[in-house]
Amino acid sequence: MTRRSVQGGYCASEGICAIEKQGCLKPDEDFRSSREMQGAPERAHGGVCLLQETIRGQPIGKCGNGDCAPNAESCLYGGDDFLTHLEKSSTCQVDTSFFGRCASRCAWSPDDCNDGEEWEFPINTCSCDNVEVGACRKGQGEVHCAVSPDACDADQAWIRPTDVISVAGFNCFLCRELSMADNNGDSGDNDSSNLNGNYGMTKKMEEKSSTGAIVGITVGILAAVTLIGGVGYKMNNKKKYGKEETVELP
C-alpha cells in the first residue's frame, strides 16, 4: 500500500510548529499550512515543521480523566475538562499517545467517522503510525496529508480520510511506520519522509563510525597487551634458563 504522512504547519509570529490552526495562539492570522511551508529552510523559518521527527514530538491535549487526546471531541469521558496542549498541565505528545477508532479504522477525531461507524477511544493499537487521516488540496494541485480541515489554508479544500485514496492514489497517515523511518522511508512518502530519511541515514552513519572506532581501539589495546605479555614471558625464561656454560681449559 502506498502511503504518505502528515507534515506540520507553522505559527509564524510564535515561531512554533502546529499540526492544525488551533495549535497557534492566533490561529486565523498566524497559521501557515504545510503547503505554504514547502521549500522552507530545514532548520529555520519553520522548515523543521515538515520533518517527521517534529510530527512525532508534537504536543497534544488531555481529557479530564487523564487520557491523552488531540481534541475534546475524542474524549468519551472528561471532555468537559479537556486541556489543550497549550496548557502546561498537558504533557502528552503524538508518538506516545493512543488515538481513537471509527469501527476498525484508527482516526484523529470522531468527525472522521462515516455513517454507521462507532467511535471508540482510546485504542491501544491506534498509535500515530496507524491513524488514517485526510488531506488538503488546492485546485487540482498536490495533495497534502492533514488531520482535519483546520490544517488547510484558505486556498485548499478538505478531503475526508476515506476519500483520499480515490483522489490521490495513496492513503494518508498521521505518522510514518517506524520500520519505514528506520529504512529511509518508502518511495511513496512525501518531503517529510525524505528529510527525515536523510536524518536517519546520518544517524546510522554516525553510529557505524562510532562502532568502528570502538572496535579499532579495543583491537589495538588487546594487541598491546599480548605484545607486553610476550616480552615479559621471554624475559622470565631468560632469567630462569639463561645461565651461560663455563668451559674449563686444560
Protein backbone atom coordinates (compact mmCIF):
# COMPACT_ATOMS: atom_id res chain seq x y z
CA MET A 1 0.00 0.00 0.00
CA THR A 2 1.33 3.43 -0.96
CA ARG A 3 1.12 5.79 1.98
CA ARG A 4 2.12 9.29 2.90
CA SER A 5 2.22 11.08 6.22
CA VAL A 6 1.39 14.44 7.75
CA GLN A 7 3.73 17.41 7.58
CA GLY A 8 3.33 20.21 10.08
CA GLY A 9 2.22 23.79 9.67
CA TYR A 10 3.81 26.83 11.28
CA CYS A 11 2.71 29.59 13.68
CA ALA A 12 4.66 32.49 12.20
CA SER A 13 4.61 35.08 14.99
CA GLU A 14 5.32 32.49 17.69
CA GLY A 15 7.89 30.54 15.70
CA ILE A 16 6.42 27.15 16.65
CA CYS A 17 5.12 24.15 14.68
CA ALA A 18 1.45 23.14 14.68
CA ILE A 19 -0.47 20.24 13.16
CA GLU A 20 -3.59 22.41 12.76
CA LYS A 21 -4.61 26.04 13.31
CA GLN A 22 -5.72 25.56 16.89
CA GLY A 23 -2.09 24.95 17.77
CA CYS A 24 -1.40 28.68 17.33
CA LEU A 25 -2.33 31.41 19.80
CA LYS A 26 -3.63 33.46 16.85
CA PRO A 27 -4.92 30.70 14.58
CA ASP A 28 -6.79 32.78 12.00
CA GLU A 29 -3.97 35.17 11.21
CA ASP A 30 -0.85 33.26 12.18
CA PHE A 31 -1.10 29.71 10.78
CA ARG A 32 0.83 28.63 7.67
CA SER A 33 -0.22 25.28 6.20
CA SER A 34 2.23 22.54 5.21
CA ARG A 35 1.60 23.52 1.57
CA GLU A 36 2.71 27.08 2.30
CA MET A 37 5.78 25.80 4.14
CA GLN A 38 7.16 23.76 1.23
CA GLY A 39 10.71 24.82 0.40
CA ALA A 40 11.34 26.49 3.77
CA PRO A 41 14.88 26.04 5.13
CA GLU A 42 15.10 22.75 7.03
CA ARG A 43 16.27 24.19 10.34
CA ALA A 44 14.95 27.74 10.11
CA HIS A 45 11.78 29.71 9.38
CA GLY A 46 9.53 26.73 10.06
CA GLY A 47 11.21 24.22 7.75
CA VAL A 48 11.69 21.87 10.70
CA CYS A 49 7.88 21.60 10.94
CA LEU A 50 7.89 19.45 7.79
CA LEU A 51 10.05 16.78 9.41
CA GLN A 52 8.58 13.51 10.65
CA GLU A 53 10.53 13.74 13.91
CA THR A 54 8.72 17.02 14.59
CA ILE A 55 5.28 15.48 14.00
CA ARG A 56 6.03 12.64 16.40
CA GLY A 57 7.14 15.10 19.06
CA GLN A 58 4.14 17.44 18.73
CA PRO A 59 2.23 18.05 21.97
CA ILE A 60 -1.48 17.21 22.15
CA GLY A 61 -4.18 17.72 24.77
CA LYS A 62 -5.55 15.66 27.64
CA CYS A 63 -9.04 14.57 28.66
CA GLY A 64 -10.25 15.30 32.18
CA ASN A 65 -9.72 11.64 33.12
CA GLY A 66 -6.06 11.77 32.09
CA ASP A 67 -6.30 10.17 28.63
CA CYS A 68 -4.11 11.92 26.03
CA ALA A 69 -6.22 13.18 23.11
CA PRO A 70 -5.81 15.53 20.14
CA ASN A 71 -9.19 17.21 20.76
CA ALA A 72 -12.05 17.32 23.28
CA GLU A 73 -14.38 15.51 20.86
CA SER A 74 -12.21 12.39 21.12
CA CYS A 75 -12.80 12.04 24.86
CA LEU A 76 -15.51 9.61 25.91
CA TYR A 77 -15.01 10.76 29.50
CA GLY A 78 -13.69 14.07 30.78
CA GLY A 79 -14.23 16.03 27.58
CA ASP A 80 -15.66 18.98 29.52
CA ASP A 81 -12.36 19.29 31.40
CA PHE A 82 -10.17 18.90 28.32
CA LEU A 83 -6.76 20.57 28.50
CA THR A 84 -5.32 21.79 25.22
CA HIS A 85 -1.64 21.26 24.51
CA LEU A 86 -1.14 24.99 25.05
CA GLU A 87 -1.95 24.49 28.74
CA LYS A 88 1.08 23.47 30.77
CA SER A 89 -0.85 20.72 32.57
CA SER A 90 -0.87 18.58 29.42
CA THR A 91 2.31 16.54 28.94
CA CYS A 92 1.02 14.38 26.07
CA GLN A 93 2.62 14.11 22.65
CA VAL A 94 1.82 12.37 19.38
CA ASP A 95 4.26 9.46 19.41
CA THR A 96 3.48 8.30 22.97
CA SER A 97 -0.33 8.52 22.78
CA PHE A 98 -3.11 6.18 21.71
CA PHE A 99 -5.84 7.53 19.47
CA GLY A 100 -9.44 6.57 18.79
CA ARG A 101 -11.13 4.39 16.19
CA CYS A 102 -14.05 4.62 13.76
CA ALA A 103 -15.22 0.98 13.51
CA SER A 104 -11.95 -0.80 12.56
CA ARG A 105 -10.12 2.31 11.33
CA CYS A 106 -7.87 4.37 13.63
CA ALA A 107 -8.74 8.06 13.35
CA TRP A 108 -7.80 11.51 14.58
CA SER A 109 -11.31 12.51 15.62
CA PRO A 110 -14.90 11.16 15.76
CA ASP A 111 -15.58 13.69 12.99
CA ASP A 112 -13.75 11.26 10.70
CA CYS A 113 -16.32 8.51 11.26
CA ASN A 114 -18.67 7.74 8.38
CA ASP A 115 -22.36 6.99 8.86
CA GLY A 116 -22.83 3.81 10.85
CA GLU A 117 -19.28 3.81 12.30
CA GLU A 118 -18.99 3.88 16.09
CA TRP A 119 -16.33 5.89 17.86
CA GLU A 120 -14.11 4.14 20.43
CA PHE A 121 -11.37 5.81 22.45
CA PRO A 122 -8.59 5.25 23.33
CA ILE A 123 -7.47 2.12 21.46
CA ASN A 124 -4.04 0.70 22.35
CA THR A 125 -3.37 -0.43 18.78
CA CYS A 126 -4.04 3.06 17.42
CA SER A 127 -0.58 4.56 17.66
CA CYS A 128 0.16 7.50 15.40
CA ASP A 129 1.50 5.36 12.53
CA ASN A 130 -1.87 3.60 12.33
CA VAL A 131 -4.03 6.73 12.42
CA GLU A 132 -5.55 7.31 8.99
CA VAL A 133 -6.13 10.98 8.22
CA GLY A 134 -7.46 13.16 5.44
CA ALA A 135 -5.79 15.71 3.19
CA CYS A 136 -5.88 19.26 1.86
CA ARG A 137 -5.67 20.20 -1.80
CA LYS A 138 -5.56 23.45 -3.76
CA GLY A 139 -7.49 23.05 -7.01
CA GLN A 140 -6.01 20.16 -8.96
CA GLY A 141 -2.62 20.59 -7.32
CA GLU A 142 -0.64 18.43 -4.94
CA VAL A 143 -2.44 16.62 -2.13
CA HIS A 144 -1.04 17.26 1.36
CA CYS A 145 -1.92 14.88 4.19
CA ALA A 146 -3.67 16.64 7.07
CA VAL A 147 -5.52 15.74 10.26
CA SER A 148 -8.56 18.00 9.78
CA PRO A 149 -10.00 20.91 7.76
CA ASP A 150 -8.33 23.08 10.42
CA ALA A 151 -4.96 22.17 8.87
CA CYS A 152 -5.88 23.51 5.41
CA ASP A 153 -5.13 27.06 4.28
CA ALA A 154 -7.75 29.36 2.73
CA ASP A 155 -6.97 28.14 -0.81
CA GLN A 156 -7.30 24.43 -0.04
CA ALA A 157 -10.26 22.08 0.12
CA TRP A 158 -10.61 19.27 2.68
CA ILE A 159 -10.59 15.61 1.60
CA ARG A 160 -12.01 13.11 4.09
CA PRO A 161 -9.74 10.21 5.14
CA THR A 162 -11.74 7.55 3.30
CA ASP A 163 -11.76 9.63 0.10
CA VAL A 164 -8.00 10.29 -0.12
CA ILE A 165 -7.14 7.05 -1.91
CA SER A 166 -9.59 7.70 -4.75
CA VAL A 167 -8.44 11.31 -5.18
CA ALA A 168 -4.70 10.95 -4.69
CA GLY A 169 -3.91 7.28 -5.24
CA PHE A 170 -2.40 6.85 -1.77
CA ASN A 171 -3.52 6.76 1.87
CA CYS A 172 -2.60 9.38 4.44
CA PHE A 173 -1.46 8.62 7.99
CA LEU A 174 -0.52 10.79 10.95
CA CYS A 175 2.99 9.27 11.20
CA ARG A 176 5.22 7.08 9.11
CA GLU A 177 5.73 3.49 10.19
CA LEU A 178 8.82 3.15 12.36
CA SER A 179 10.19 0.38 10.15
CA MET A 180 9.97 2.79 7.20
CA ALA A 181 11.67 5.56 9.13
CA ASP A 182 14.49 3.19 10.08
CA ASN A 183 14.99 2.23 6.43
CA ASN A 184 14.97 5.73 4.96
CA GLY A 185 11.26 5.69 4.20
CA ASP A 186 9.11 4.31 1.40
CA SER A 187 9.30 5.63 -2.13
CA GLY A 188 5.74 6.91 -2.00
CA ASP A 189 6.16 9.15 1.02
CA ASN A 190 6.33 12.95 0.97
CA ASP A 191 9.02 15.55 1.60
CA SER A 192 8.77 14.87 5.32
CA SER A 193 9.91 11.31 4.67
CA ASN A 194 12.84 12.40 2.54
CA LEU A 195 14.03 14.94 5.07
CA ASN A 196 13.69 12.55 7.96
CA GLY A 197 15.23 9.77 5.89
CA ASN A 198 18.39 11.82 5.42
CA TYR A 199 18.42 12.49 9.16
CA GLY A 200 18.10 8.74 9.81
CA MET A 201 20.89 7.89 7.39
CA THR A 202 23.17 10.45 9.06
CA LYS A 203 22.47 8.94 12.46
CA LYS A 204 23.21 5.43 11.16
CA MET A 205 26.49 6.56 9.60
CA GLU A 206 27.48 8.22 12.88
CA GLU A 207 26.63 5.04 14.81
CA LYS A 208 28.55 2.88 12.32
CA SER A 209 31.55 5.19 12.53
CA SER A 210 31.46 5.15 16.34
CA THR A 211 31.19 1.36 16.41
CA GLY A 212 34.17 1.02 14.04
CA ALA A 213 36.25 3.35 16.19
CA ILE A 214 35.44 1.40 19.37
CA VAL A 215 36.34 -1.93 17.70
CA GLY A 216 39.60 -0.46 16.41
CA ILE A 217 40.60 0.84 19.86
CA THR A 218 39.73 -2.47 21.50
CA VAL A 219 41.81 -4.47 18.98
CA GLY A 220 44.73 -2.10 19.50
CA ILE A 221 44.62 -2.50 23.28
CA LEU A 222 44.48 -6.30 23.01
CA ALA A 223 47.46 -6.32 20.63
CA ALA A 224 49.48 -4.16 23.01
CA VAL A 225 48.63 -6.39 26.00
CA THR A 226 49.63 -9.50 24.00
CA LEU A 227 52.96 -7.92 22.97
CA ILE A 228 53.82 -6.85 26.51
CA GLY A 229 52.88 -10.30 27.83
CA GLY A 230 55.11 -12.00 25.25
CA VAL A 231 58.10 -9.82 26.14
CA GLY A 232 57.60 -10.48 29.84
CA TYR A 233 57.41 -14.25 29.22
CA LYS A 234 60.70 -14.26 27.26
CA MET A 235 62.48 -12.22 29.93
CA ASN A 236 61.36 -14.59 32.67
CA ASN A 237 62.53 -17.61 30.66
CA LYS A 238 65.89 -15.97 30.10
CA LYS A 239 66.32 -15.41 33.83
CA LYS A 240 65.35 -18.99 34.61
CA TYR A 241 67.18 -20.90 31.96
CA GLY A 242 69.72 -18.48 30.53
CA LYS A 243 72.85 -19.34 32.59
CA GLU A 244 75.99 -19.45 30.39
CA GLU A 245 78.03 -22.67 30.40
CA THR A 246 81.59 -22.38 31.72
CA VAL A 247 84.15 -24.36 29.77
CA GLU A 248 87.39 -25.20 31.61
CA LEU A 249 90.55 -25.14 29.55
CA PRO A 250 93.08 -27.99 30.02
